[in-house]
Amino acid sequence: MTGLLPLRLALAELRHARIWTLCQVIGLAALLLPLLILFGIKNGVIADRTAALLQDPEALRITIARTGSYPAALITELSADPDVRFVAPHPIRLAVMADFAAAADASRIAIGVTLLASGADDPYLPAGLAPPRPGEAVISAPLAGQLGLTVGDRVDALLRPGKDAPDGAVLGFTISGVTEAGTWARVGALLHRDDLFLIQDWTHGAVALAGTDLGTARGTPRDRDDYPSLRLYAANADAAAALMQRLAARGIATGGTPQQAGALIFLRNALDAGFATVAVVGLVGVTASFAANLWTAVIRNRRAISLLRLAGLGQGGAVLFPLAQALAIGLVGWVLAIGFYAALTGVLDRLLGETFGVGQQVARLTWVEYTASAVATLTVSGLAAIWAAFAITRISPEEGFNDAP
């Protein structure tokens, strides 16, 4: 017998027993569909929300717990550390406060604006925007909206009166950028470190002014060998834990929100393990169910197979019979499952997309996942055929005579 004959006979048998074949295809698709939807949701809404939380700068901010004397060499060292995304020296309080007023309309005032020292790789800076230079400020989107300001406008920091400065002081800035909406929720501004320390020095009475324009002292920044605090962000959640441990070993107490990011990574890994377990259990169930059905088909066609063996069909050709049927059913079942998946995820996207705040993609699979699912389905089909193939090798040619009337 030719090598293609077993394949032709296997496919002919599927066409002949079309009701049985249809049931196998639908049953396989019904088992695959929940797995596809499960992994689609994992790669869609769950992956998107997890990534968004892990990329939130606040989730990676490491707070220096105590005011101290941190040498400039430490900042240089941290700047070169691959676990550090951004570091800048900072005044005693992490967030210096000042009132801001639009230079063009002093009646537009924002009270208690948060001021932070900025620099290259600042996580709050929009992509491609250079950090502010002395005399420049990158303001948050909430501050821009409150004062009605945009790039190129002028804004004044109004410093409150002190013991030696009853009239207060004013430090003017040109707005060089606005943070992206949602990046920094506070009413704040990013400044060059020299400007921020100038504000601190004036607040502490270390700057003498003839009037109220603090900008006249801008060209003579003080030399500093150490700083009272740091503004520090880790490169990622995994790096945050290692960085905090190294700082603790040097006697630098830290705090902040990286612990939350670590907990989120643990949750993500736990979900991955849970999805993998469900997938393995599901595929084992698919294999067992499919194997039983293929074995039943072999038993049902036992006499016909024995006659084919008598006509010259070898064991190798006989083994191809259930294998070809399994692969054919697996391929058609996978195509049907993909069709159902596309239809159902479209419904999910329309119904739940806005609820989850992810636009139109609650579930998402890439061509890599589609290919992997096809390979997994065909592999499972091949494994399911092993039992039937073993059963078919136990059928001898003589059984055709024994069953003859």
Protein backbone atom coordinates (compact mmCIF):
# COMPACT_ATOMS: atom_id res chain seq x y z
CA MET A 1 0.00 0.00 0.00
CA THR A 2 1.19 3.50 -0.75
CA GLY A 3 2.17 5.76 2.13
CA LEU A 4 -0.62 8.23 1.37
CA LEU A 5 -3.39 5.67 1.51
CA PRO A 6 -3.67 5.64 5.33
CA LEU A 7 -3.99 9.42 5.30
CA ARG A 8 -6.67 9.33 2.61
CA LEU A 9 -8.56 6.61 4.48
CA ALA A 10 -8.32 8.53 7.78
CA LEU A 11 -9.75 11.69 6.23
CA ALA A 12 -12.41 9.68 4.37
CA GLU A 13 -13.44 8.14 7.69
CA LEU A 14 -13.80 11.62 9.20
CA ARG A 15 -16.05 12.66 6.32
CA HIS A 16 -18.09 9.47 6.60
CA ALA A 17 -18.57 9.83 10.37
CA ARG A 18 -19.27 13.54 10.00
CA ILE A 19 -21.51 13.79 13.06
CA TRP A 20 -18.80 12.23 15.26
CA THR A 21 -16.17 14.43 13.63
CA LEU A 22 -18.24 17.57 14.16
CA CYS A 23 -18.73 16.68 17.82
CA GLN A 24 -14.97 16.21 18.27
CA VAL A 25 -14.19 19.53 16.58
CA ILE A 26 -16.76 21.45 18.62
CA GLY A 27 -15.70 19.71 21.83
CA LEU A 28 -12.04 20.55 21.23
CA ALA A 29 -12.88 24.17 20.36
CA ALA A 30 -15.01 24.44 23.52
CA LEU A 31 -12.05 23.28 25.61
CA LEU A 32 -9.58 25.60 23.88
CA LEU A 33 -11.77 28.71 23.93
CA PRO A 34 -11.65 29.38 27.72
CA LEU A 35 -7.86 29.00 27.66
CA LEU A 36 -7.57 31.49 24.79
CA ILE A 37 -9.82 34.01 26.55
CA LEU A 38 -7.93 33.51 29.82
CA PHE A 39 -4.58 34.23 28.22
CA GLY A 40 -6.07 37.03 26.15
CA ILE A 41 -7.21 38.79 29.34
CA LYS A 42 -3.83 38.10 30.97
CA ASN A 43 -1.98 39.66 28.02
CA GLY A 44 -4.55 42.42 27.67
CA VAL A 45 -6.10 44.26 30.58
CA ILE A 46 -4.03 42.59 33.31
CA ALA A 47 -0.70 43.13 31.54
CA ASP A 48 -1.59 46.73 30.63
CA ARG A 49 -2.69 47.69 34.13
CA THR A 50 0.29 45.97 35.75
CA ALA A 51 2.72 47.68 33.37
CA ALA A 52 1.09 51.06 33.99
CA LEU A 53 1.40 50.66 37.75
CA LEU A 54 5.02 49.52 37.53
CA GLN A 55 5.90 52.44 35.25
CA ASP A 56 4.33 54.99 37.60
CA PRO A 57 7.26 57.11 38.88
CA GLU A 58 5.74 57.23 42.35
CA ALA A 59 5.92 53.43 42.53
CA LEU A 60 9.69 53.65 42.06
CA ARG A 61 10.43 56.65 44.28
CA ILE A 62 12.80 55.94 47.14
CA THR A 63 12.50 58.40 50.01
CA ILE A 64 15.57 59.24 52.07
CA ALA A 65 14.14 58.83 55.54
CA ARG A 66 16.46 61.14 57.45
CA THR A 67 17.95 64.54 56.74
CA GLY A 68 21.71 64.28 56.77
CA SER A 69 24.89 65.26 55.01
CA TYR A 70 25.08 63.35 51.74
CA PRO A 71 28.30 64.02 49.81
CA ALA A 72 28.30 65.03 46.17
CA ALA A 73 30.39 61.91 45.49
CA LEU A 74 27.43 59.77 46.56
CA ILE A 75 25.21 61.47 43.99
CA THR A 76 27.84 60.90 41.29
CA GLU A 77 28.06 57.25 42.30
CA LEU A 78 24.29 56.78 42.25
CA SER A 79 24.03 58.51 38.87
CA ALA A 80 26.24 55.77 37.39
CA ASP A 81 24.34 52.94 39.13
CA PRO A 82 22.27 50.89 36.61
CA ASP A 83 19.62 50.37 39.30
CA VAL A 84 19.04 54.14 39.50
CA ARG A 85 16.82 55.92 36.99
CA PHE A 86 17.23 59.40 38.43
CA VAL A 87 18.93 61.08 41.37
CA ALA A 88 19.28 64.75 42.29
CA PRO A 89 20.39 66.59 45.42
CA HIS A 90 17.56 68.16 47.37
CA PRO A 91 16.93 70.57 50.21
CA ILE A 92 15.98 69.44 53.70
CA ARG A 93 12.33 68.86 52.81
CA LEU A 94 11.76 66.69 49.77
CA ALA A 95 9.08 69.05 48.46
CA VAL A 96 9.81 72.77 48.82
CA MET A 97 6.63 74.83 48.74
CA ALA A 98 5.96 78.25 47.21
CA ASP A 99 3.04 80.18 45.77
CA PHE A 100 3.05 80.72 42.00
CA ALA A 101 1.48 83.60 40.11
CA ALA A 102 1.16 84.19 36.39
CA ALA A 103 3.46 87.10 35.49
CA ALA A 104 0.91 88.44 32.99
CA ASP A 105 -1.93 88.39 35.53
CA ALA A 106 -0.93 88.45 39.20
CA SER A 107 -4.52 87.66 40.20
CA ARG A 108 -4.03 84.10 38.99
CA ILE A 109 -2.28 82.48 41.96
CA ALA A 110 -1.65 78.85 42.89
CA ILE A 111 -1.09 78.34 46.62
CA GLY A 112 1.41 75.79 47.93
CA VAL A 113 3.07 74.68 44.69
CA THR A 114 5.40 71.68 45.14
CA LEU A 115 8.94 72.38 43.91
CA LEU A 116 11.32 69.55 43.00
CA ALA A 117 14.91 69.53 41.75
CA SER A 118 15.04 68.15 38.22
CA GLY A 119 17.70 66.95 35.81
CA ALA A 120 18.41 64.51 33.00
CA ASP A 121 16.26 61.34 33.10
CA ASP A 122 13.75 62.89 35.51
CA PRO A 123 10.76 60.49 35.33
CA TYR A 124 8.34 63.43 35.32
CA LEU A 125 9.88 65.09 32.25
CA PRO A 126 8.10 64.46 28.93
CA ALA A 127 10.12 62.34 26.49
CA GLY A 128 12.61 64.43 24.54
CA LEU A 129 12.27 67.51 26.74
CA ALA A 130 15.52 68.91 28.14
CA PRO A 131 15.63 69.44 31.91
CA PRO A 132 15.07 73.01 33.10
CA ARG A 133 18.04 75.36 33.24
CA PRO A 134 18.41 78.12 35.84
CA GLY A 135 15.51 80.50 35.30
CA GLU A 136 13.33 77.82 33.66
CA ALA A 137 10.54 75.67 35.07
CA VAL A 138 8.70 72.61 33.83
CA ILE A 139 5.27 72.80 35.42
CA SER A 140 2.78 70.02 36.04
CA ALA A 141 -0.36 69.74 33.94
CA PRO A 142 -2.60 70.59 36.94
CA LEU A 143 -0.60 73.79 37.60
CA ALA A 144 -0.72 74.75 33.92
CA GLY A 145 -4.48 74.30 33.92
CA GLN A 146 -4.98 76.21 37.17
CA LEU A 147 -2.99 79.25 36.03
CA GLY A 148 -3.80 79.00 32.32
CA LEU A 149 -0.11 78.83 31.37
CA THR A 150 1.74 77.21 28.49
CA VAL A 151 5.30 76.90 27.21
CA GLY A 152 7.01 80.29 26.89
CA ASP A 153 4.87 82.06 29.50
CA ARG A 154 6.39 83.69 32.56
CA VAL A 155 5.53 82.70 36.10
CA ASP A 156 6.69 84.07 39.47
CA ALA A 157 7.42 82.10 42.62
CA LEU A 158 6.14 84.21 45.53
CA LEU A 159 8.24 83.53 48.61
CA ARG A 160 6.53 84.42 51.84
CA PRO A 161 7.86 87.12 54.17
CA GLY A 162 10.40 86.13 56.78
CA LYS A 163 12.00 87.67 59.84
CA ASP A 164 14.65 89.52 57.83
CA ALA A 165 12.50 89.94 54.71
CA PRO A 166 9.13 91.45 55.64
CA ASP A 167 8.21 92.00 51.99
CA GLY A 168 9.04 88.45 50.89
CA ALA A 169 10.76 87.76 47.59
CA VAL A 170 9.95 86.92 43.99
CA LEU A 171 11.82 84.51 41.71
CA GLY A 172 10.74 84.54 38.07
CA PHE A 173 10.77 81.61 35.64
CA THR A 174 10.11 80.96 31.97
CA ILE A 175 8.02 77.86 31.40
CA SER A 176 10.07 75.46 29.27
CA GLY A 177 7.65 72.56 29.36
CA VAL A 178 4.51 71.00 30.84
CA THR A 179 4.40 67.45 32.17
CA GLU A 180 2.10 65.00 30.42
CA ALA A 181 -1.37 64.64 31.87
CA GLY A 182 -1.48 61.84 34.42
CA THR A 183 2.30 61.74 34.93
CA TRP A 184 2.40 64.04 37.95
CA ALA A 185 -0.87 64.65 39.73
CA ARG A 186 0.38 67.40 42.04
CA VAL A 187 0.27 71.15 41.49
CA GLY A 188 4.02 71.44 41.12
CA ALA A 189 7.05 72.61 39.19
CA LEU A 190 10.41 71.07 38.30
CA LEU A 191 13.36 73.45 38.74
CA HIS A 192 17.09 73.43 38.22
CA ARG A 193 18.83 72.45 41.45
CA ASP A 194 20.53 75.86 41.74
CA ASP A 195 17.16 77.63 41.74
CA LEU A 196 15.71 75.25 44.30
CA PHE A 197 18.66 75.67 46.67
CA LEU A 198 18.53 79.43 46.12
CA ILE A 199 14.95 79.36 47.41
CA GLN A 200 16.03 77.28 50.39
CA ASP A 201 18.97 79.57 51.16
CA TRP A 202 16.71 82.63 51.04
CA THR A 203 14.18 80.90 53.29
CA HIS A 204 16.95 80.21 55.83
CA GLY A 205 18.17 83.80 55.69
CA ALA A 206 21.40 82.97 53.86
CA VAL A 207 20.71 85.39 50.97
CA ALA A 208 20.68 89.15 51.45
CA LEU A 209 18.55 91.19 49.04
CA ALA A 210 18.32 94.91 48.47
CA GLY A 211 14.77 94.48 47.19
CA THR A 212 12.43 91.57 46.53
CA ASP A 213 13.85 90.21 43.26
CA LEU A 214 15.61 86.98 44.22
CA GLY A 215 16.68 86.58 40.59
CA THR A 216 19.53 89.04 41.20
CA ALA A 217 21.26 86.34 43.27
CA ARG A 218 20.82 83.68 40.61
CA GLY A 219 24.26 84.07 38.99
CA THR A 220 26.24 83.24 42.13
CA PRO A 221 25.27 79.72 43.29
CA ARG A 222 26.93 78.53 46.49
CA ASP A 223 29.52 75.78 46.33
CA ARG A 224 28.25 72.69 48.12
CA ASP A 225 30.21 69.59 49.09
CA ASP A 226 27.21 67.83 50.54
CA TYR A 227 23.43 68.01 50.51
CA PRO A 228 20.76 67.47 53.15
CA SER A 229 18.65 65.05 51.11
CA LEU A 230 18.22 63.32 47.76
CA ARG A 231 15.45 62.85 45.24
CA LEU A 232 15.88 59.24 44.10
CA TYR A 233 14.04 56.89 41.71
CA ALA A 234 14.87 53.26 40.94
CA ALA A 235 15.15 51.96 37.38
CA ASN A 236 12.45 49.35 38.00
CA ALA A 237 10.73 47.50 40.83
CA ASP A 238 13.32 44.71 40.97
CA ALA A 239 16.13 47.27 41.07
CA ALA A 240 14.37 49.20 43.85
CA ALA A 241 14.67 46.34 46.33
CA ALA A 242 18.37 45.81 45.58
CA LEU A 243 19.07 49.55 45.73
CA MET A 244 17.32 49.98 49.08
CA GLN A 245 19.32 47.08 50.51
CA ARG A 246 22.62 48.60 49.37
CA LEU A 247 21.69 51.99 50.81
CA ALA A 248 20.68 50.38 54.10
CA ALA A 249 24.06 48.62 54.24
CA ARG A 250 25.66 52.08 54.07
CA GLY A 251 23.54 53.34 56.92
CA ILE A 252 21.13 55.32 54.72
CA ALA A 253 17.57 54.71 55.88
CA THR A 254 15.01 54.68 53.09
CA GLY A 255 11.29 54.38 52.62
CA GLY A 256 8.69 55.15 50.00
CA THR A 257 6.53 53.11 47.69
CA PRO A 258 8.88 50.56 46.03
CA GLN A 259 7.54 47.99 48.50
CA GLN A 260 4.18 48.37 46.76
CA ALA A 261 5.86 47.80 43.40
CA GLY A 262 7.52 44.70 44.83
CA ALA A 263 4.15 43.44 46.03
CA LEU A 264 2.75 44.12 42.57
CA ILE A 265 5.55 42.10 40.95
CA PHE A 266 4.83 39.26 43.39
CA LEU A 267 1.16 39.41 42.43
CA ARG A 268 2.07 39.44 38.73
CA ASN A 269 4.32 36.40 39.15
CA ALA A 270 1.63 34.64 41.17
CA LEU A 271 -0.91 35.32 38.42
CA ASP A 272 1.53 34.01 35.81
CA ALA A 273 1.99 30.83 37.84
CA GLY A 274 -1.77 30.51 38.27
CA PHE A 275 -2.43 30.96 34.55
CA ALA A 276 0.29 28.43 33.71
CA THR A 277 -1.25 25.92 36.13
CA VAL A 278 -4.71 26.40 34.65
CA ALA A 279 -3.27 26.01 31.14
CA VAL A 280 -1.44 22.79 32.02
CA VAL A 281 -4.47 21.31 33.76
CA GLY A 282 -6.68 22.35 30.85
CA LEU A 283 -4.37 20.86 28.23
CA VAL A 284 -4.09 17.63 30.22
CA GLY A 285 -7.88 17.47 30.30
CA VAL A 286 -8.07 18.14 26.56
CA THR A 287 -5.50 15.41 25.91
CA ALA A 288 -7.30 12.84 28.07
CA SER A 289 -10.72 13.58 26.58
CA PHE A 290 -9.44 13.60 23.01
CA ALA A 291 -7.44 10.39 23.57
CA ALA A 292 -10.53 8.58 24.85
CA ASN A 293 -12.55 9.67 21.82
CA LEU A 294 -9.85 8.58 19.37
CA TRP A 295 -9.52 5.25 21.13
CA THR A 296 -13.29 4.79 20.83
CA ALA A 297 -13.03 5.50 17.09
CA VAL A 298 -10.35 2.81 16.70
CA ILE A 299 -12.50 0.28 18.55
CA ARG A 300 -15.49 1.21 16.39
CA ASN A 301 -13.47 0.59 13.21
CA ARG A 302 -11.60 -2.43 14.54
CA ARG A 303 -12.88 -4.88 11.88
CA ALA A 304 -12.24 -2.47 8.98
CA ILE A 305 -8.71 -1.85 10.23
CA SER A 306 -8.02 -5.58 10.55
CA LEU A 307 -9.12 -6.08 6.92
CA LEU A 308 -6.79 -3.28 5.83
CA ARG A 309 -4.00 -4.97 7.75
CA LEU A 310 -4.86 -8.18 5.94
CA ALA A 311 -4.71 -6.31 2.62
CA GLY A 312 -1.12 -5.25 3.35
CA LEU A 313 -1.37 -2.20 5.59
CA GLY A 314 1.63 -2.33 7.93
CA GLN A 315 1.75 -1.22 11.54
CA GLY A 316 3.40 2.05 10.58
CA GLY A 317 0.65 2.88 8.13
CA ALA A 318 -1.99 1.84 10.65
CA VAL A 319 -0.52 4.18 13.27
CA LEU A 320 -0.89 7.07 10.81
CA PHE A 321 -4.65 6.47 10.79
CA PRO A 322 -5.43 7.90 14.29
CA LEU A 323 -2.55 10.38 14.09
CA ALA A 324 -3.87 11.93 10.88
CA GLN A 325 -7.37 12.10 12.31
CA ALA A 326 -6.11 13.69 15.52
CA LEU A 327 -4.10 16.37 13.70
CA ALA A 328 -6.97 17.14 11.31
CA ILE A 329 -9.47 17.49 14.16
CA GLY A 330 -6.95 19.51 16.16
CA LEU A 331 -6.32 21.95 13.31
CA VAL A 332 -9.99 22.49 12.51
CA GLY A 333 -10.86 22.74 16.22
CA TRP A 334 -8.14 25.37 16.72
CA VAL A 335 -9.41 27.42 13.76
CA LEU A 336 -12.95 27.24 15.15
CA ALA A 337 -11.75 28.25 18.63
CA ILE A 338 -9.89 31.25 17.17
CA GLY A 339 -13.05 32.30 15.36
CA PHE A 340 -15.10 32.08 18.56
CA TYR A 341 -12.33 33.92 20.44
CA ALA A 342 -12.33 36.81 17.96
CA ALA A 343 -16.11 37.13 18.21
CA LEU A 344 -16.28 36.94 22.00
CA THR A 345 -13.36 39.28 22.65
CA GLY A 346 -14.97 41.83 20.37
CA VAL A 347 -18.04 41.69 22.61
CA LEU A 348 -15.87 41.90 25.75
CA ASP A 349 -14.02 44.92 24.40
CA ARG A 350 -17.27 46.75 23.68
CA LEU A 351 -18.90 45.85 26.99
CA LEU A 352 -15.97 46.07 29.41
CA GLY A 353 -13.35 48.25 27.68
CA GLU A 354 -14.56 51.48 29.28
CA THR A 355 -15.22 49.76 32.61
CA PHE A 356 -11.58 48.69 32.91
CA GLY A 357 -10.34 51.96 31.44
CA VAL A 358 -8.31 50.21 28.74
CA GLY A 359 -9.99 51.53 25.62
CA GLN A 360 -10.98 48.70 23.32
CA GLN A 361 -8.64 45.86 24.32
CA VAL A 362 -9.74 43.81 27.30
CA ALA A 363 -8.20 40.67 25.77
CA ARG A 364 -5.25 40.62 23.40
CA LEU A 365 -3.19 37.91 21.72
CA THR A 366 -0.27 38.57 19.37
CA TRP A 367 0.77 36.38 16.46
CA VAL A 368 3.29 34.78 18.83
CA GLU A 369 0.49 33.61 21.14
CA TYR A 370 -1.61 32.49 18.17
CA THR A 371 1.30 30.46 16.82
CA ALA A 372 2.04 29.01 20.25
CA SER A 373 -1.61 28.01 20.71
CA ALA A 374 -1.64 26.29 17.32
CA VAL A 375 1.56 24.39 18.10
CA ALA A 376 0.22 23.44 21.54
CA THR A 377 -3.06 22.22 20.03
CA LEU A 378 -1.33 20.07 17.41
CA THR A 379 1.07 18.73 20.03
CA VAL A 380 -1.81 17.81 22.31
CA SER A 381 -3.57 16.19 19.36
CA GLY A 382 -0.47 14.15 18.58
CA LEU A 383 -0.14 13.07 22.20
CA ALA A 384 -3.82 12.16 22.33
CA ALA A 385 -3.31 9.86 19.33
CA ILE A 386 -0.69 7.77 21.16
CA TRP A 387 -3.26 5.69 23.04
CA ALA A 388 -5.28 5.10 19.87
CA ALA A 389 -2.08 4.28 17.95
CA PHE A 390 -1.14 1.73 20.59
CA ALA A 391 -4.62 0.20 20.36
CA ILE A 392 -4.40 -0.02 16.58
CA THR A 393 -1.09 -1.89 16.73
CA ARG A 394 -2.88 -4.57 18.80
CA ILE A 395 -5.28 -5.27 15.93
CA SER A 396 -4.10 -8.30 13.96
CA PRO A 397 -5.02 -9.11 10.33
CA GLU A 398 -6.65 -12.38 11.45
CA GLU A 399 -9.41 -10.53 13.30
CA GLY A 400 -11.01 -9.75 9.94
CA PHE A 401 -11.45 -13.51 9.31
CA ASN A 402 -12.58 -14.20 12.85
CA ASP A 403 -15.32 -11.59 12.62
CA ALA A 404 -16.44 -12.69 9.13
CA PRO A 405 -19.96 -14.20 8.97
